[in-house]
Amino acid sequence: HFQRFSKYKMAVKVVAEAPFGPGDTKKNLELAIMGEQFEVDQMYPAY
């Protein structure tokens, strides 16, 4: 994604959603699933 900006010289404000709040491995897997599910169901299809 970053390399797609190689022809530009500009500042970019980045807004990204991410699940936060690390915990034990079980919780961390649940957080990872939340993030991946968002990317698969919403983010990348729209992009």
ModelCIF file with pLDDT and N, C-alpha, C, O atoms, coordinates in Angstrom:
data_MODEL
#
_entry.id   MODEL 
#
_entity.id                         1 
_entity.type                       polymer 
_entity.pdbx_number_of_molecules   1 
#
_entity_poly.entity_id                      1 
_entity_poly.type                           'polypeptide(L)' 
_entity_poly.nstd_linkage                   no 
_entity_poly.nstd_monomer                   no 
_entity_poly.pdbx_seq_one_letter_code       HFQRFSKYKMAVKVVAEAPFGPGDTKKNLELAIMGEQFEVDQMYPAY 
_entity_poly.pdbx_seq_one_letter_code_can   HFQRFSKYKMAVKVVAEAPFGPGDTKKNLELAIMGEQFEVDQMYPAY 
_entity_poly.pdbx_strand_id                 A 
#
loop_
_entity_poly_seq.entity_id 
_entity_poly_seq.num 
_entity_poly_seq.mon_id 
_entity_poly_seq.hetero 
1 1  HIS n 
1 2  PHE n 
1 3  GLN n 
1 4  ARG n 
1 5  PHE n 
1 6  SER n 
1 7  LYS n 
1 8  TYR n 
1 9  LYS n 
1 10 MET n 
1 11 ALA n 
1 12 VAL n 
1 13 LYS n 
1 14 VAL n 
1 15 VAL n 
1 16 ALA n 
1 17 GLU n 
1 18 ALA n 
1 19 PRO n 
1 20 PHE n 
1 21 GLY n 
1 22 PRO n 
1 23 GLY n 
1 24 ASP n 
1 25 THR n 
1 26 LYS n 
1 27 LYS n 
1 28 ASN n 
1 29 LEU n 
1 30 GLU n 
1 31 LEU n 
1 32 ALA n 
1 33 ILE n 
1 34 MET n 
1 35 GLY n 
1 36 GLU n 
1 37 GLN n 
1 38 PHE n 
1 39 GLU n 
1 40 VAL n 
1 41 ASP n 
1 42 GLN n 
1 43 MET n 
1 44 TYR n 
1 45 PRO n 
1 46 ALA n 
1 47 TYR n 
#
_struct_asym.id          A 
_struct_asym.entity_id   1 
#
loop_
_ma_qa_metric.id 
_ma_qa_metric.mode 
_ma_qa_metric.name 
_ma_qa_metric.software_group_id 
_ma_qa_metric.type 
1 global pLDDT . pLDDT 
2 local  pLDDT . pLDDT 
#
_ma_qa_metric_global.metric_id      1 
_ma_qa_metric_global.metric_value   89.00 
_ma_qa_metric_global.model_id       1 
_ma_qa_metric_global.ordinal_id     1 
#
loop_
_ma_qa_metric_local.label_asym_id 
_ma_qa_metric_local.label_comp_id 
_ma_qa_metric_local.label_seq_id 
_ma_qa_metric_local.metric_id 
_ma_qa_metric_local.metric_value 
_ma_qa_metric_local.model_id 
_ma_qa_metric_local.ordinal_id 
A HIS 1  2 96.00 1 1  
A PHE 2  2 93.00 1 2  
A GLN 3  2 93.00 1 3  
A ARG 4  2 89.00 1 4  
A PHE 5  2 83.00 1 5  
A SER 6  2 80.00 1 6  
A LYS 7  2 74.00 1 7  
A TYR 8  2 72.00 1 8  
A LYS 9  2 76.00 1 9  
A MET 10 2 72.00 1 10 
A ALA 11 2 76.00 1 11 
A VAL 12 2 74.00 1 12 
A LYS 13 2 75.00 1 13 
A VAL 14 2 77.00 1 14 
A VAL 15 2 75.00 1 15 
A ALA 16 2 74.00 1 16 
A GLU 17 2 73.00 1 17 
A ALA 18 2 77.00 1 18 
A PRO 19 2 79.00 1 19 
A PHE 20 2 80.00 1 20 
A GLY 21 2 83.00 1 21 
A PRO 22 2 84.00 1 22 
A GLY 23 2 95.00 1 23 
A ASP 24 2 98.00 1 24 
A THR 25 2 98.00 1 25 
A LYS 26 2 98.00 1 26 
A LYS 27 2 98.00 1 27 
A ASN 28 2 98.00 1 28 
A LEU 29 2 98.00 1 29 
A GLU 30 2 97.00 1 30 
A LEU 31 2 97.00 1 31 
A ALA 32 2 98.00 1 32 
A ILE 33 2 97.00 1 33 
A MET 34 2 96.00 1 34 
A GLY 35 2 96.00 1 35 
A GLU 36 2 97.00 1 36 
A GLN 37 2 97.00 1 37 
A PHE 38 2 96.00 1 38 
A GLU 39 2 97.00 1 39 
A VAL 40 2 98.00 1 40 
A ASP 41 2 97.00 1 41 
A GLN 42 2 96.00 1 42 
A MET 43 2 96.00 1 43 
A TYR 44 2 98.00 1 44 
A PRO 45 2 98.00 1 45 
A ALA 46 2 97.00 1 46 
A TYR 47 2 97.00 1 47 
#
loop_
_atom_site.group_PDB 
_atom_site.id 
_atom_site.type_symbol 
_atom_site.label_atom_id 
_atom_site.label_alt_id 
_atom_site.label_comp_id 
_atom_site.label_asym_id 
_atom_site.label_entity_id 
_atom_site.label_seq_id 
_atom_site.pdbx_PDB_ins_code 
_atom_site.Cartn_x 
_atom_site.Cartn_y 
_atom_site.Cartn_z 
_atom_site.occupancy 
_atom_site.B_iso_or_equiv 
_atom_site.pdbx_formal_charge 
_atom_site.auth_seq_id 
_atom_site.auth_comp_id 
_atom_site.auth_asym_id 
_atom_site.auth_atom_id 
_atom_site.pdbx_PDB_model_num 
ATOM 1   N N  . HIS A 1 1  ? 0.833   -1.204  0.000  1.00 96.00 ? 1  HIS A N  1 
ATOM 2   C CA . HIS A 1 1  ? 0.000   0.000   0.000  1.00 96.00 ? 1  HIS A CA 1 
ATOM 3   C C  . HIS A 1 1  ? 0.874   1.263   0.000  1.00 96.00 ? 1  HIS A C  1 
ATOM 4   O O  . HIS A 1 1  ? 0.607   2.213   -0.736 1.00 96.00 ? 1  HIS A O  1 
ATOM 5   N N  . PHE A 1 2  ? 1.902   1.257   0.823  1.00 93.00 ? 2  PHE A N  1 
ATOM 6   C CA . PHE A 1 2  ? 2.804   2.407   0.953  1.00 93.00 ? 2  PHE A CA 1 
ATOM 7   C C  . PHE A 1 2  ? 3.500   2.715   -0.370 1.00 93.00 ? 2  PHE A C  1 
ATOM 8   O O  . PHE A 1 2  ? 3.636   3.879   -0.746 1.00 93.00 ? 2  PHE A O  1 
ATOM 9   N N  . GLN A 1 3  ? 3.938   1.680   -1.072 1.00 93.00 ? 3  GLN A N  1 
ATOM 10  C CA . GLN A 1 3  ? 4.660   1.881   -2.328 1.00 93.00 ? 3  GLN A CA 1 
ATOM 11  C C  . GLN A 1 3  ? 3.801   2.531   -3.411 1.00 93.00 ? 3  GLN A C  1 
ATOM 12  O O  . GLN A 1 3  ? 4.341   3.093   -4.364 1.00 93.00 ? 3  GLN A O  1 
ATOM 13  N N  . ARG A 1 4  ? 2.503   2.467   -3.285 1.00 89.00 ? 4  ARG A N  1 
ATOM 14  C CA . ARG A 1 4  ? 1.623   3.093   -4.260 1.00 89.00 ? 4  ARG A CA 1 
ATOM 15  C C  . ARG A 1 4  ? 1.717   4.613   -4.191 1.00 89.00 ? 4  ARG A C  1 
ATOM 16  O O  . ARG A 1 4  ? 1.209   5.308   -5.071 1.00 89.00 ? 4  ARG A O  1 
ATOM 17  N N  . PHE A 1 5  ? 2.366   5.131   -3.146 1.00 83.00 ? 5  PHE A N  1 
ATOM 18  C CA . PHE A 1 5  ? 2.534   6.580   -2.984 1.00 83.00 ? 5  PHE A CA 1 
ATOM 19  C C  . PHE A 1 5  ? 3.909   7.052   -3.456 1.00 83.00 ? 5  PHE A C  1 
ATOM 20  O O  . PHE A 1 5  ? 4.258   8.211   -3.231 1.00 83.00 ? 5  PHE A O  1 
ATOM 21  N N  . SER A 1 6  ? 4.692   6.201   -4.097 1.00 80.00 ? 6  SER A N  1 
ATOM 22  C CA . SER A 1 6  ? 6.072   6.547   -4.441 1.00 80.00 ? 6  SER A CA 1 
ATOM 23  C C  . SER A 1 6  ? 6.201   7.767   -5.357 1.00 80.00 ? 6  SER A C  1 
ATOM 24  O O  . SER A 1 6  ? 7.228   8.445   -5.334 1.00 80.00 ? 6  SER A O  1 
ATOM 25  N N  . LYS A 1 7  ? 5.184   8.053   -6.154 1.00 74.00 ? 7  LYS A N  1 
ATOM 26  C CA . LYS A 1 7  ? 5.287   9.205   -7.058 1.00 74.00 ? 7  LYS A CA 1 
ATOM 27  C C  . LYS A 1 7  ? 4.877   10.524  -6.398 1.00 74.00 ? 7  LYS A C  1 
ATOM 28  O O  . LYS A 1 7  ? 4.943   11.584  -7.021 1.00 74.00 ? 7  LYS A O  1 
ATOM 29  N N  . TYR A 1 8  ? 4.459   10.448  -5.148 1.00 72.00 ? 8  TYR A N  1 
ATOM 30  C CA . TYR A 1 8  ? 3.991   11.645  -4.438 1.00 72.00 ? 8  TYR A CA 1 
ATOM 31  C C  . TYR A 1 8  ? 5.010   12.119  -3.411 1.00 72.00 ? 8  TYR A C  1 
ATOM 32  O O  . TYR A 1 8  ? 5.857   11.356  -2.945 1.00 72.00 ? 8  TYR A O  1 
ATOM 33  N N  . LYS A 1 9  ? 4.905   13.382  -3.078 1.00 76.00 ? 9  LYS A N  1 
ATOM 34  C CA . LYS A 1 9  ? 5.674   13.961  -1.977 1.00 76.00 ? 9  LYS A CA 1 
ATOM 35  C C  . LYS A 1 9  ? 4.674   14.810  -1.203 1.00 76.00 ? 9  LYS A C  1 
ATOM 36  O O  . LYS A 1 9  ? 4.444   15.977  -1.520 1.00 76.00 ? 9  LYS A O  1 
ATOM 37  N N  . MET A 1 10 ? 4.084   14.192  -0.177 1.00 72.00 ? 10 MET A N  1 
ATOM 38  C CA . MET A 1 10 ? 3.027   14.873  0.554  1.00 72.00 ? 10 MET A CA 1 
ATOM 39  C C  . MET A 1 10 ? 2.841   14.230  1.924  1.00 72.00 ? 10 MET A C  1 
ATOM 40  O O  . MET A 1 10 ? 3.249   13.091  2.151  1.00 72.00 ? 10 MET A O  1 
ATOM 41  N N  . ALA A 1 11 ? 2.240   14.954  2.800  1.00 76.00 ? 11 ALA A N  1 
ATOM 42  C CA . ALA A 1 11 ? 1.872   14.416  4.109  1.00 76.00 ? 11 ALA A CA 1 
ATOM 43  C C  . ALA A 1 11 ? 0.485   13.801  3.977  1.00 76.00 ? 11 ALA A C  1 
ATOM 44  O O  . ALA A 1 11 ? -0.383  14.331  3.284  1.00 76.00 ? 11 ALA A O  1 
ATOM 45  N N  . VAL A 1 12 ? 0.298   12.694  4.642  1.00 74.00 ? 12 VAL A N  1 
ATOM 46  C CA . VAL A 1 12 ? -0.974  11.993  4.585  1.00 74.00 ? 12 VAL A CA 1 
ATOM 47  C C  . VAL A 1 12 ? -1.445  11.713  5.999  1.00 74.00 ? 12 VAL A C  1 
ATOM 48  O O  . VAL A 1 12 ? -0.686  11.210  6.827  1.00 74.00 ? 12 VAL A O  1 
ATOM 49  N N  . LYS A 1 13 ? -2.681  12.034  6.267  1.00 75.00 ? 13 LYS A N  1 
ATOM 50  C CA . LYS A 1 13 ? -3.277  11.704  7.555  1.00 75.00 ? 13 LYS A CA 1 
ATOM 51  C C  . LYS A 1 13 ? -3.894  10.313  7.428  1.00 75.00 ? 13 LYS A C  1 
ATOM 52  O O  . LYS A 1 13 ? -4.701  10.058  6.534  1.00 75.00 ? 13 LYS A O  1 
ATOM 53  N N  . VAL A 1 14 ? -3.506  9.429   8.325  1.00 77.00 ? 14 VAL A N  1 
ATOM 54  C CA . VAL A 1 14 ? -3.962  8.050   8.264  1.00 77.00 ? 14 VAL A CA 1 
ATOM 55  C C  . VAL A 1 14 ? -5.029  7.823   9.322  1.00 77.00 ? 14 VAL A C  1 
ATOM 56  O O  . VAL A 1 14 ? -4.822  8.087   10.506 1.00 77.00 ? 14 VAL A O  1 
ATOM 57  N N  . VAL A 1 15 ? -6.172  7.328   8.869  1.00 75.00 ? 15 VAL A N  1 
ATOM 58  C CA . VAL A 1 15 ? -7.257  6.970   9.771  1.00 75.00 ? 15 VAL A CA 1 
ATOM 59  C C  . VAL A 1 15 ? -7.507  5.480   9.562  1.00 75.00 ? 15 VAL A C  1 
ATOM 60  O O  . VAL A 1 15 ? -7.858  5.053   8.462  1.00 75.00 ? 15 VAL A O  1 
ATOM 61  N N  . ALA A 1 16 ? -7.325  4.694   10.612 1.00 74.00 ? 16 ALA A N  1 
ATOM 62  C CA . ALA A 1 16 ? -7.509  3.252   10.490 1.00 74.00 ? 16 ALA A CA 1 
ATOM 63  C C  . ALA A 1 16 ? -8.174  2.705   11.741 1.00 74.00 ? 16 ALA A C  1 
ATOM 64  O O  . ALA A 1 16 ? -7.885  3.135   12.858 1.00 74.00 ? 16 ALA A O  1 
ATOM 65  N N  . GLU A 1 17 ? -9.066  1.754   11.534 1.00 73.00 ? 17 GLU A N  1 
ATOM 66  C CA . GLU A 1 17 ? -9.728  1.105   12.654 1.00 73.00 ? 17 GLU A CA 1 
ATOM 67  C C  . GLU A 1 17 ? -8.944  -0.133  13.053 1.00 73.00 ? 17 GLU A C  1 
ATOM 68  O O  . GLU A 1 17 ? -8.458  -0.872  12.197 1.00 73.00 ? 17 GLU A O  1 
ATOM 69  N N  . ALA A 1 18 ? -8.822  -0.357  14.357 1.00 77.00 ? 18 ALA A N  1 
ATOM 70  C CA . ALA A 1 18 ? -8.126  -1.548  14.834 1.00 77.00 ? 18 ALA A CA 1 
ATOM 71  C C  . ALA A 1 18 ? -8.631  -1.911  16.223 1.00 77.00 ? 18 ALA A C  1 
ATOM 72  O O  . ALA A 1 18 ? -8.852  -1.034  17.057 1.00 77.00 ? 18 ALA A O  1 
ATOM 73  N N  . PRO A 1 19 ? -8.813  -3.213  16.473 1.00 79.00 ? 19 PRO A N  1 
ATOM 74  C CA . PRO A 1 19 ? -9.211  -3.635  17.823 1.00 79.00 ? 19 PRO A CA 1 
ATOM 75  C C  . PRO A 1 19 ? -8.034  -3.518  18.781 1.00 79.00 ? 19 PRO A C  1 
ATOM 76  O O  . PRO A 1 19 ? -6.942  -4.006  18.491 1.00 79.00 ? 19 PRO A O  1 
ATOM 77  N N  . PHE A 1 20 ? -8.253  -2.876  19.915 1.00 80.00 ? 20 PHE A N  1 
ATOM 78  C CA . PHE A 1 20 ? -7.194  -2.665  20.891 1.00 80.00 ? 20 PHE A CA 1 
ATOM 79  C C  . PHE A 1 20 ? -7.523  -3.349  22.207 1.00 80.00 ? 20 PHE A C  1 
ATOM 80  O O  . PHE A 1 20 ? -8.661  -3.760  22.434 1.00 80.00 ? 20 PHE A O  1 
ATOM 81  N N  . GLY A 1 21 ? -6.537  -3.469  23.060 1.00 83.00 ? 21 GLY A N  1 
ATOM 82  C CA . GLY A 1 21 ? -6.723  -4.018  24.388 1.00 83.00 ? 21 GLY A CA 1 
ATOM 83  C C  . GLY A 1 21 ? -6.123  -5.394  24.537 1.00 83.00 ? 21 GLY A C  1 
ATOM 84  O O  . GLY A 1 21 ? -6.857  -6.353  24.779 1.00 83.00 ? 21 GLY A O  1 
ATOM 85  N N  . PRO A 1 22 ? -4.797  -5.532  24.399 1.00 84.00 ? 22 PRO A N  1 
ATOM 86  C CA . PRO A 1 22 ? -4.196  -6.857  24.466 1.00 84.00 ? 22 PRO A CA 1 
ATOM 87  C C  . PRO A 1 22 ? -4.467  -7.536  25.807 1.00 84.00 ? 22 PRO A C  1 
ATOM 88  O O  . PRO A 1 22 ? -4.645  -6.886  26.837 1.00 84.00 ? 22 PRO A O  1 
ATOM 89  N N  . GLY A 1 23 ? -4.493  -8.849  25.755 1.00 95.00 ? 23 GLY A N  1 
ATOM 90  C CA . GLY A 1 23 ? -4.718  -9.634  26.964 1.00 95.00 ? 23 GLY A CA 1 
ATOM 91  C C  . GLY A 1 23 ? -3.992  -10.952 26.856 1.00 95.00 ? 23 GLY A C  1 
ATOM 92  O O  . GLY A 1 23 ? -2.855  -11.010 26.387 1.00 95.00 ? 23 GLY A O  1 
ATOM 93  N N  . ASP A 1 24 ? -4.644  -12.004 27.287 1.00 98.00 ? 24 ASP A N  1 
ATOM 94  C CA . ASP A 1 24 ? -4.041  -13.321 27.153 1.00 98.00 ? 24 ASP A CA 1 
ATOM 95  C C  . ASP A 1 24 ? -4.194  -13.794 25.704 1.00 98.00 ? 24 ASP A C  1 
ATOM 96  O O  . ASP A 1 24 ? -4.805  -13.108 24.884 1.00 98.00 ? 24 ASP A O  1 
ATOM 97  N N  . THR A 1 25 ? -3.646  -14.953 25.397 1.00 98.00 ? 25 THR A N  1 
ATOM 98  C CA . THR A 1 25 ? -3.637  -15.429 24.013 1.00 98.00 ? 25 THR A CA 1 
ATOM 99  C C  . THR A 1 25 ? -5.046  -15.622 23.467 1.00 98.00 ? 25 THR A C  1 
ATOM 100 O O  . THR A 1 25 ? -5.305  -15.315 22.303 1.00 98.00 ? 25 THR A O  1 
ATOM 101 N N  . LYS A 1 26 ? -5.952  -16.124 24.288 1.00 98.00 ? 26 LYS A N  1 
ATOM 102 C CA . LYS A 1 26 ? -7.337  -16.307 23.834 1.00 98.00 ? 26 LYS A CA 1 
ATOM 103 C C  . LYS A 1 26 ? -7.940  -14.957 23.425 1.00 98.00 ? 26 LYS A C  1 
ATOM 104 O O  . LYS A 1 26 ? -8.513  -14.839 22.342 1.00 98.00 ? 26 LYS A O  1 
ATOM 105 N N  . LYS A 1 27 ? -7.815  -13.956 24.271 1.00 98.00 ? 27 LYS A N  1 
ATOM 106 C CA . LYS A 1 27 ? -8.348  -12.632 23.948 1.00 98.00 ? 27 LYS A CA 1 
ATOM 107 C C  . LYS A 1 27 ? -7.653  -12.054 22.717 1.00 98.00 ? 27 LYS A C  1 
ATOM 108 O O  . LYS A 1 27 ? -8.302  -11.440 21.870 1.00 98.00 ? 27 LYS A O  1 
ATOM 109 N N  . ASN A 1 28 ? -6.348  -12.244 22.614 1.00 98.00 ? 28 ASN A N  1 
ATOM 110 C CA . ASN A 1 28 ? -5.608  -11.701 21.474 1.00 98.00 ? 28 ASN A CA 1 
ATOM 111 C C  . ASN A 1 28 ? -6.050  -12.345 20.161 1.00 98.00 ? 28 ASN A C  1 
ATOM 112 O O  . ASN A 1 28 ? -6.112  -11.674 19.131 1.00 98.00 ? 28 ASN A O  1 
ATOM 113 N N  . LEU A 1 29 ? -6.357  -13.641 20.193 1.00 98.00 ? 29 LEU A N  1 
ATOM 114 C CA . LEU A 1 29 ? -6.887  -14.290 18.997 1.00 98.00 ? 29 LEU A CA 1 
ATOM 115 C C  . LEU A 1 29 ? -8.267  -13.727 18.655 1.00 98.00 ? 29 LEU A C  1 
ATOM 116 O O  . LEU A 1 29 ? -8.585  -13.520 17.483 1.00 98.00 ? 29 LEU A O  1 
ATOM 117 N N  . GLU A 1 30 ? -9.082  -13.480 19.676 1.00 97.00 ? 30 GLU A N  1 
ATOM 118 C CA . GLU A 1 30 ? -10.402 -12.882 19.431 1.00 97.00 ? 30 GLU A CA 1 
ATOM 119 C C  . GLU A 1 30 ? -10.264 -11.499 18.814 1.00 97.00 ? 30 GLU A C  1 
ATOM 120 O O  . GLU A 1 30 ? -11.027 -11.143 17.916 1.00 97.00 ? 30 GLU A O  1 
ATOM 121 N N  . LEU A 1 31 ? -9.298  -10.714 19.287 1.00 97.00 ? 31 LEU A N  1 
ATOM 122 C CA . LEU A 1 31 ? -9.043  -9.392  18.707 1.00 97.00 ? 31 LEU A CA 1 
ATOM 123 C C  . LEU A 1 31 ? -8.565  -9.509  17.259 1.00 97.00 ? 31 LEU A C  1 
ATOM 124 O O  . LEU A 1 31 ? -8.996  -8.754  16.388 1.00 97.00 ? 31 LEU A O  1 
ATOM 125 N N  . ALA A 1 32 ? -7.670  -10.467 17.017 1.00 98.00 ? 32 ALA A N  1 
ATOM 126 C CA . ALA A 1 32 ? -7.165  -10.677 15.653 1.00 98.00 ? 32 ALA A CA 1 
ATOM 127 C C  . ALA A 1 32 ? -8.307  -11.069 14.724 1.00 98.00 ? 32 ALA A C  1 
ATOM 128 O O  . ALA A 1 32 ? -8.378  -10.593 13.592 1.00 98.00 ? 32 ALA A O  1 
ATOM 129 N N  . ILE A 1 33 ? -9.197  -11.930 15.194 1.00 97.00 ? 33 ILE A N  1 
ATOM 130 C CA . ILE A 1 33 ? -10.342 -12.346 14.388 1.00 97.00 ? 33 ILE A CA 1 
ATOM 131 C C  . ILE A 1 33 ? -11.235 -11.143 14.080 1.00 97.00 ? 33 ILE A C  1 
ATOM 132 O O  . ILE A 1 33 ? -11.707 -10.992 12.953 1.00 97.00 ? 33 ILE A O  1 
ATOM 133 N N  . MET A 1 34 ? -11.465 -10.292 15.071 1.00 96.00 ? 34 MET A N  1 
ATOM 134 C CA . MET A 1 34 ? -12.270 -9.084  14.845 1.00 96.00 ? 34 MET A CA 1 
ATOM 135 C C  . MET A 1 34 ? -11.670 -8.231  13.725 1.00 96.00 ? 34 MET A C  1 
ATOM 136 O O  . MET A 1 34 ? -12.379 -7.787  12.822 1.00 96.00 ? 34 MET A O  1 
ATOM 137 N N  . GLY A 1 35 ? -10.363 -8.011  13.796 1.00 96.00 ? 35 GLY A N  1 
ATOM 138 C CA . GLY A 1 35 ? -9.695  -7.187  12.785 1.00 96.00 ? 35 GLY A CA 1 
ATOM 139 C C  . GLY A 1 35 ? -9.738  -7.808  11.405 1.00 96.00 ? 35 GLY A C  1 
ATOM 140 O O  . GLY A 1 35 ? -10.027 -7.126  10.422 1.00 96.00 ? 35 GLY A O  1 
ATOM 141 N N  . GLU A 1 36 ? -9.450  -9.103  11.325 1.00 97.00 ? 36 GLU A N  1 
ATOM 142 C CA . GLU A 1 36 ? -9.455  -9.788  10.025 1.00 97.00 ? 36 GLU A CA 1 
ATOM 143 C C  . GLU A 1 36 ? -10.873 -9.842  9.452  1.00 97.00 ? 36 GLU A C  1 
ATOM 144 O O  . GLU A 1 36 ? -11.066 -9.676  8.248  1.00 97.00 ? 36 GLU A O  1 
ATOM 145 N N  . GLN A 1 37 ? -11.865 -10.076 10.323 1.00 97.00 ? 37 GLN A N  1 
ATOM 146 C CA . GLN A 1 37 ? -13.259 -10.129 9.865  1.00 97.00 ? 37 GLN A CA 1 
ATOM 147 C C  . GLN A 1 37 ? -13.677 -8.789  9.263  1.00 97.00 ? 37 GLN A C  1 
ATOM 148 O O  . GLN A 1 37 ? -14.345 -8.750  8.230  1.00 97.00 ? 37 GLN A O  1 
ATOM 149 N N  . PHE A 1 38 ? -13.286 -7.700  9.907  1.00 96.00 ? 38 PHE A N  1 
ATOM 150 C CA . PHE A 1 38 ? -13.588 -6.365  9.389  1.00 96.00 ? 38 PHE A CA 1 
ATOM 151 C C  . PHE A 1 38 ? -12.961 -6.171  8.009  1.00 96.00 ? 38 PHE A C  1 
ATOM 152 O O  . PHE A 1 38 ? -13.607 -5.660  7.094  1.00 96.00 ? 38 PHE A O  1 
ATOM 153 N N  . GLU A 1 39 ? -11.707 -6.580  7.865  1.00 97.00 ? 39 GLU A N  1 
ATOM 154 C CA . GLU A 1 39 ? -11.027 -6.412  6.576  1.00 97.00 ? 39 GLU A CA 1 
ATOM 155 C C  . GLU A 1 39 ? -11.692 -7.237  5.476  1.00 97.00 ? 39 GLU A C  1 
ATOM 156 O O  . GLU A 1 39 ? -11.842 -6.769  4.347  1.00 97.00 ? 39 GLU A O  1 
ATOM 157 N N  . VAL A 1 40 ? -12.090 -8.465  5.809  1.00 98.00 ? 40 VAL A N  1 
ATOM 158 C CA . VAL A 1 40 ? -12.678 -9.367  4.821  1.00 98.00 ? 40 VAL A CA 1 
ATOM 159 C C  . VAL A 1 40 ? -14.115 -8.977  4.467  1.00 98.00 ? 40 VAL A C  1 
ATOM 160 O O  . VAL A 1 40 ? -14.500 -9.013  3.298  1.00 98.00 ? 40 VAL A O  1 
ATOM 161 N N  . ASP A 1 41 ? -14.899 -8.606  5.468  1.00 97.00 ? 41 ASP A N  1 
ATOM 162 C CA . ASP A 1 41 ? -16.319 -8.321  5.229  1.00 97.00 ? 41 ASP A CA 1 
ATOM 163 C C  . ASP A 1 41 ? -16.585 -6.906  4.739  1.00 97.00 ? 41 ASP A C  1 
ATOM 164 O O  . ASP A 1 41 ? -17.508 -6.683  3.956  1.00 97.00 ? 41 ASP A O  1 
ATOM 165 N N  . GLN A 1 42 ? -15.785 -5.949  5.193  1.00 96.00 ? 42 GLN A N  1 
ATOM 166 C CA . GLN A 1 42 ? -16.099 -4.560  4.904  1.00 96.00 ? 42 GLN A CA 1 
ATOM 167 C C  . GLN A 1 42 ? -14.994 -3.798  4.182  1.00 96.00 ? 42 GLN A C  1 
ATOM 168 O O  . GLN A 1 42 ? -15.208 -3.270  3.090  1.00 96.00 ? 42 GLN A O  1 
ATOM 169 N N  . MET A 1 43 ? -13.820 -3.742  4.791  1.00 96.00 ? 43 MET A N  1 
ATOM 170 C CA . MET A 1 43 ? -12.789 -2.833  4.313  1.00 96.00 ? 43 MET A CA 1 
ATOM 171 C C  . MET A 1 43 ? -12.316 -3.144  2.891  1.00 96.00 ? 43 MET A C  1 
ATOM 172 O O  . MET A 1 43 ? -12.463 -2.318  1.991  1.00 96.00 ? 43 MET A O  1 
ATOM 173 N N  . TYR A 1 44 ? -11.748 -4.341  2.691  1.00 98.00 ? 44 TYR A N  1 
ATOM 174 C CA . TYR A 1 44 ? -11.173 -4.606  1.379  1.00 98.00 ? 44 TYR A CA 1 
ATOM 175 C C  . TYR A 1 44 ? -12.206 -4.740  0.259  1.00 98.00 ? 44 TYR A C  1 
ATOM 176 O O  . TYR A 1 44 ? -11.917 -4.312  -0.859 1.00 98.00 ? 44 TYR A O  1 
ATOM 177 N N  . PRO A 1 45 ? -13.391 -5.308  0.491  1.00 98.00 ? 45 PRO A N  1 
ATOM 178 C CA . PRO A 1 45 ? -14.371 -5.279  -0.604 1.00 98.00 ? 45 PRO A CA 1 
ATOM 179 C C  . PRO A 1 45 ? -14.712 -3.845  -1.046 1.00 98.00 ? 45 PRO A C  1 
ATOM 180 O O  . PRO A 1 45 ? -14.818 -3.572  -2.241 1.00 98.00 ? 45 PRO A O  1 
ATOM 181 N N  . ALA A 1 46 ? -14.883 -2.941  -0.086 1.00 97.00 ? 46 ALA A N  1 
ATOM 182 C CA . ALA A 1 46 ? -15.194 -1.545  -0.427 1.00 97.00 ? 46 ALA A CA 1 
ATOM 183 C C  . ALA A 1 46 ? -14.009 -0.878  -1.124 1.00 97.00 ? 46 ALA A C  1 
ATOM 184 O O  . ALA A 1 46 ? -14.190 -0.185  -2.126 1.00 97.00 ? 46 ALA A O  1 
ATOM 185 N N  . TYR A 1 47 ? -12.801 -1.081  -0.602 1.00 97.00 ? 47 TYR A N  1 
ATOM 186 C CA . TYR A 1 47 ? -11.618 -0.467  -1.207 1.00 97.00 ? 47 TYR A CA 1 
ATOM 187 C C  . TYR A 1 47 ? -11.385 -0.988  -2.623 1.00 97.00 ? 47 TYR A C  1 
ATOM 188 O O  . TYR A 1 47 ? -10.431 -0.577  -3.282 1.00 97.00 ? 47 TYR A O  1 
#
